[in-house]
């Protein structure tokens, strides 16, 4: 039975039942280097650097999703006293979102944008 068929059966069985589709949640993947590595020093702080996103990233993910990822990175950078320059988020559907910090900016992009 497909999801649409299940939803239709639920609605038929209980007309007051409301089906809400929940978008996949982006999860931060483990970074490649240890948190105590000297190169794990990025802060992902938008008050210190400009934050930009590619058109493809904005088309694939909502601004709320991107904003939540950036907030999580900033909090994690404070907690760990720095992060690797490349952070990867992935949802249950396998979609990936990269966030890269360099000397000039914080960039949100898809792997295909790189």
C-alpha atoms as a PDB file:
ATOM      1  CA  UNK A   1       0.000   0.000   0.000  1.00  0.00           C
ATOM      2  CA  UNK A   2       1.375   3.417  -0.938  1.00  0.00           C
ATOM      3  CA  UNK A   3       1.412   6.434   1.366  1.00  0.00           C
ATOM      4  CA  UNK A   4      -1.357   8.053  -0.672  1.00  0.00           C
ATOM      5  CA  UNK A   5      -3.494   4.907  -0.357  1.00  0.00           C
ATOM      6  CA  UNK A   6      -2.905   4.797   3.405  1.00  0.00           C
ATOM      7  CA  UNK A   7      -3.824   8.467   3.733  1.00  0.00           C
ATOM      8  CA  UNK A   8      -7.000   7.937   1.656  1.00  0.00           C
ATOM      9  CA  UNK A   9      -8.010   4.931   3.793  1.00  0.00           C
ATOM     10  CA  UNK A  10      -7.431   6.898   7.012  1.00  0.00           C
ATOM     11  CA  UNK A  11      -9.481   9.840   5.767  1.00  0.00           C
ATOM     12  CA  UNK A  12     -12.304   7.511   4.644  1.00  0.00           C
ATOM     13  CA  UNK A  13     -12.303   5.725   8.011  1.00  0.00           C
ATOM     14  CA  UNK A  14     -12.215   8.917  10.040  1.00  0.00           C
ATOM     15  CA  UNK A  15     -13.431  12.013   8.137  1.00  0.00           C
ATOM     16  CA  UNK A  16     -12.255  14.365  10.877  1.00  0.00           C
ATOM     17  CA  UNK A  17      -8.715  12.969  10.579  1.00  0.00           C
ATOM     18  CA  UNK A  18      -6.239  15.466   9.108  1.00  0.00           C
ATOM     19  CA  UNK A  19      -3.176  14.243   7.262  1.00  0.00           C
ATOM     20  CA  UNK A  20      -0.132  16.443   7.631  1.00  0.00           C
ATOM     21  CA  UNK A  21       2.931  15.662   5.590  1.00  0.00           C
ATOM     22  CA  UNK A  22       6.097  16.265   7.560  1.00  0.00           C
ATOM     23  CA  UNK A  23       9.128  17.226   5.482  1.00  0.00           C
ATOM     24  CA  UNK A  24      12.300  15.203   5.996  1.00  0.00           C
ATOM     25  CA  UNK A  25      14.490  16.514   8.796  1.00  0.00           C
ATOM     26  CA  UNK A  26      18.052  17.582   8.018  1.00  0.00           C
ATOM     27  CA  UNK A  27      20.583  15.908  10.308  1.00  0.00           C
ATOM     28  CA  UNK A  28      24.150  17.126  10.810  1.00  0.00           C
ATOM     29  CA  UNK A  29      26.624  14.431   9.778  1.00  0.00           C
ATOM     30  CA  UNK A  30      29.809  13.776  11.748  1.00  0.00           C
ATOM     31  CA  UNK A  31      32.697  15.977  10.602  1.00  0.00           C
ATOM     32  CA  UNK A  32      35.791  14.366   9.081  1.00  0.00           C
ATOM     33  CA  UNK A  33      38.327  15.671  11.610  1.00  0.00           C
ATOM     34  CA  UNK A  34      38.200  15.541  15.426  1.00  0.00           C
ATOM     35  CA  UNK A  35      36.801  18.567  17.227  1.00  0.00           C
ATOM     36  CA  UNK A  36      40.153  19.100  18.982  1.00  0.00           C
ATOM     37  CA  UNK A  37      42.079  19.193  15.663  1.00  0.00           C
ATOM     38  CA  UNK A  38      43.791  22.574  15.043  1.00  0.00           C
ATOM     39  CA  UNK A  39      41.880  22.995  11.759  1.00  0.00           C
ATOM     40  CA  UNK A  40      38.572  22.600  13.580  1.00  0.00           C
ATOM     41  CA  UNK A  41      38.379  26.338  14.189  1.00  0.00           C
ATOM     42  CA  UNK A  42      35.446  27.669  12.142  1.00  0.00           C
ATOM     43  CA  UNK A  43      32.727  29.519  14.041  1.00  0.00           C
ATOM     44  CA  UNK A  44      29.926  29.762  11.434  1.00  0.00           C
ATOM     45  CA  UNK A  45      29.035  33.151  12.917  1.00  0.00           C
ATOM     46  CA  UNK A  46      26.882  35.249  10.539  1.00  0.00           C
ATOM     47  CA  UNK A  47      27.621  38.388  12.563  1.00  0.00           C
ATOM     48  CA  UNK A  48      31.302  38.063  11.606  1.00  0.00           C
ATOM     49  CA  UNK A  49      31.011  36.899   7.986  1.00  0.00           C
ATOM     50  CA  UNK A  50      28.571  37.283   5.145  1.00  0.00           C
ATOM     51  CA  UNK A  51      26.310  34.256   4.620  1.00  0.00           C
ATOM     52  CA  UNK A  52      25.388  33.353   1.048  1.00  0.00           C
ATOM     53  CA  UNK A  53      23.493  30.466  -0.535  1.00  0.00           C
ATOM     54  CA  UNK A  54      23.460  29.147  -4.069  1.00  0.00           C
ATOM     55  CA  UNK A  55      20.266  29.281  -6.097  1.00  0.00           C
ATOM     56  CA  UNK A  56      20.166  25.492  -6.194  1.00  0.00           C
ATOM     57  CA  UNK A  57      20.352  25.237  -2.391  1.00  0.00           C
ATOM     58  CA  UNK A  58      17.548  27.774  -2.005  1.00  0.00           C
ATOM     59  CA  UNK A  59      15.442  25.917  -4.585  1.00  0.00           C
ATOM     60  CA  UNK A  60      15.989  22.532  -2.884  1.00  0.00           C
ATOM     61  CA  UNK A  61      15.622  23.573   0.774  1.00  0.00           C
ATOM     62  CA  UNK A  62      13.372  26.108   2.476  1.00  0.00           C
ATOM     63  CA  UNK A  63      14.803  29.194   4.113  1.00  0.00           C
ATOM     64  CA  UNK A  64      13.570  27.779   7.426  1.00  0.00           C
ATOM     65  CA  UNK A  65      15.599  24.596   6.878  1.00  0.00           C
ATOM     66  CA  UNK A  66      18.701  26.549   5.885  1.00  0.00           C
ATOM     67  CA  UNK A  67      18.282  28.917   8.825  1.00  0.00           C
ATOM     68  CA  UNK A  68      17.884  26.012  11.255  1.00  0.00           C
ATOM     69  CA  UNK A  69      21.084  24.431   9.914  1.00  0.00           C
ATOM     70  CA  UNK A  70      22.999  27.684  10.352  1.00  0.00           C
ATOM     71  CA  UNK A  71      21.689  28.129  13.902  1.00  0.00           C
ATOM     72  CA  UNK A  72      22.702  24.580  14.780  1.00  0.00           C
ATOM     73  CA  UNK A  73      26.204  25.104  13.370  1.00  0.00           C
ATOM     74  CA  UNK A  74      26.707  28.305  15.330  1.00  0.00           C
ATOM     75  CA  UNK A  75      25.611  26.609  18.571  1.00  0.00           C
ATOM     76  CA  UNK A  76      27.747  23.534  17.860  1.00  0.00           C
ATOM     77  CA  UNK A  77      30.782  25.726  17.083  1.00  0.00           C
ATOM     78  CA  UNK A  78      30.387  27.464  20.443  1.00  0.00           C
ATOM     79  CA  UNK A  79      29.920  24.132  22.231  1.00  0.00           C
ATOM     80  CA  UNK A  80      32.938  22.471  20.575  1.00  0.00           C
ATOM     81  CA  UNK A  81      35.109  25.612  20.389  1.00  0.00           C
ATOM     82  CA  UNK A  82      35.176  25.426  16.589  1.00  0.00           C
ATOM     83  CA  UNK A  83      34.212  23.152  13.714  1.00  0.00           C
ATOM     84  CA  UNK A  84      35.729  21.907  10.466  1.00  0.00           C
ATOM     85  CA  UNK A  85      35.282  24.275   7.503  1.00  0.00           C
ATOM     86  CA  UNK A  86      32.870  21.822   5.779  1.00  0.00           C
ATOM     87  CA  UNK A  87      29.680  20.695   7.485  1.00  0.00           C
ATOM     88  CA  UNK A  88      27.217  18.310   5.848  1.00  0.00           C
ATOM     89  CA  UNK A  89      23.517  17.900   6.537  1.00  0.00           C
ATOM     90  CA  UNK A  90      21.428  15.058   5.128  1.00  0.00           C
ATOM     91  CA  UNK A  91      17.741  14.188   5.308  1.00  0.00           C
ATOM     92  CA  UNK A  92      15.977  10.815   5.253  1.00  0.00           C
ATOM     93  CA  UNK A  93      15.488  11.133   1.495  1.00  0.00           C
ATOM     94  CA  UNK A  94      19.272  11.345   1.005  1.00  0.00           C
ATOM     95  CA  UNK A  95      19.326  15.012   0.021  1.00  0.00           C
ATOM     96  CA  UNK A  96      22.497  16.736   1.204  1.00  0.00           C
ATOM     97  CA  UNK A  97      23.190  20.338   2.079  1.00  0.00           C
ATOM     98  CA  UNK A  98      26.746  21.588   2.524  1.00  0.00           C
ATOM     99  CA  UNK A  99      27.803  24.594   4.573  1.00  0.00           C
ATOM    100  CA  UNK A 100      31.352  25.837   4.020  1.00  0.00           C
ATOM    101  CA  UNK A 101      33.158  28.579   5.906  1.00  0.00           C
ATOM    102  CA  UNK A 102      36.254  30.216   4.416  1.00  0.00           C
ATOM    103  CA  UNK A 103      38.138  33.431   5.123  1.00  0.00           C
ATOM    104  CA  UNK A 104      35.447  35.576   3.487  1.00  0.00           C
ATOM    105  CA  UNK A 105      32.001  33.992   3.856  1.00  0.00           C
ATOM    106  CA  UNK A 106      29.749  31.187   4.995  1.00  0.00           C
ATOM    107  CA  UNK A 107      28.350  29.473   1.900  1.00  0.00           C
ATOM    108  CA  UNK A 108      25.313  27.187   1.779  1.00  0.00           C
ATOM    109  CA  UNK A 109      25.291  24.953  -1.274  1.00  0.00           C
ATOM    110  CA  UNK A 110      24.436  21.573  -2.724  1.00  0.00           C
ATOM    111  CA  UNK A 111      27.273  19.105  -3.363  1.00  0.00           C
ATOM    112  CA  UNK A 112      26.565  19.499  -7.109  1.00  0.00           C
ATOM    113  CA  UNK A 113      27.289  23.242  -6.803  1.00  0.00           C
ATOM    114  CA  UNK A 114      30.874  22.613  -5.718  1.00  0.00           C
END
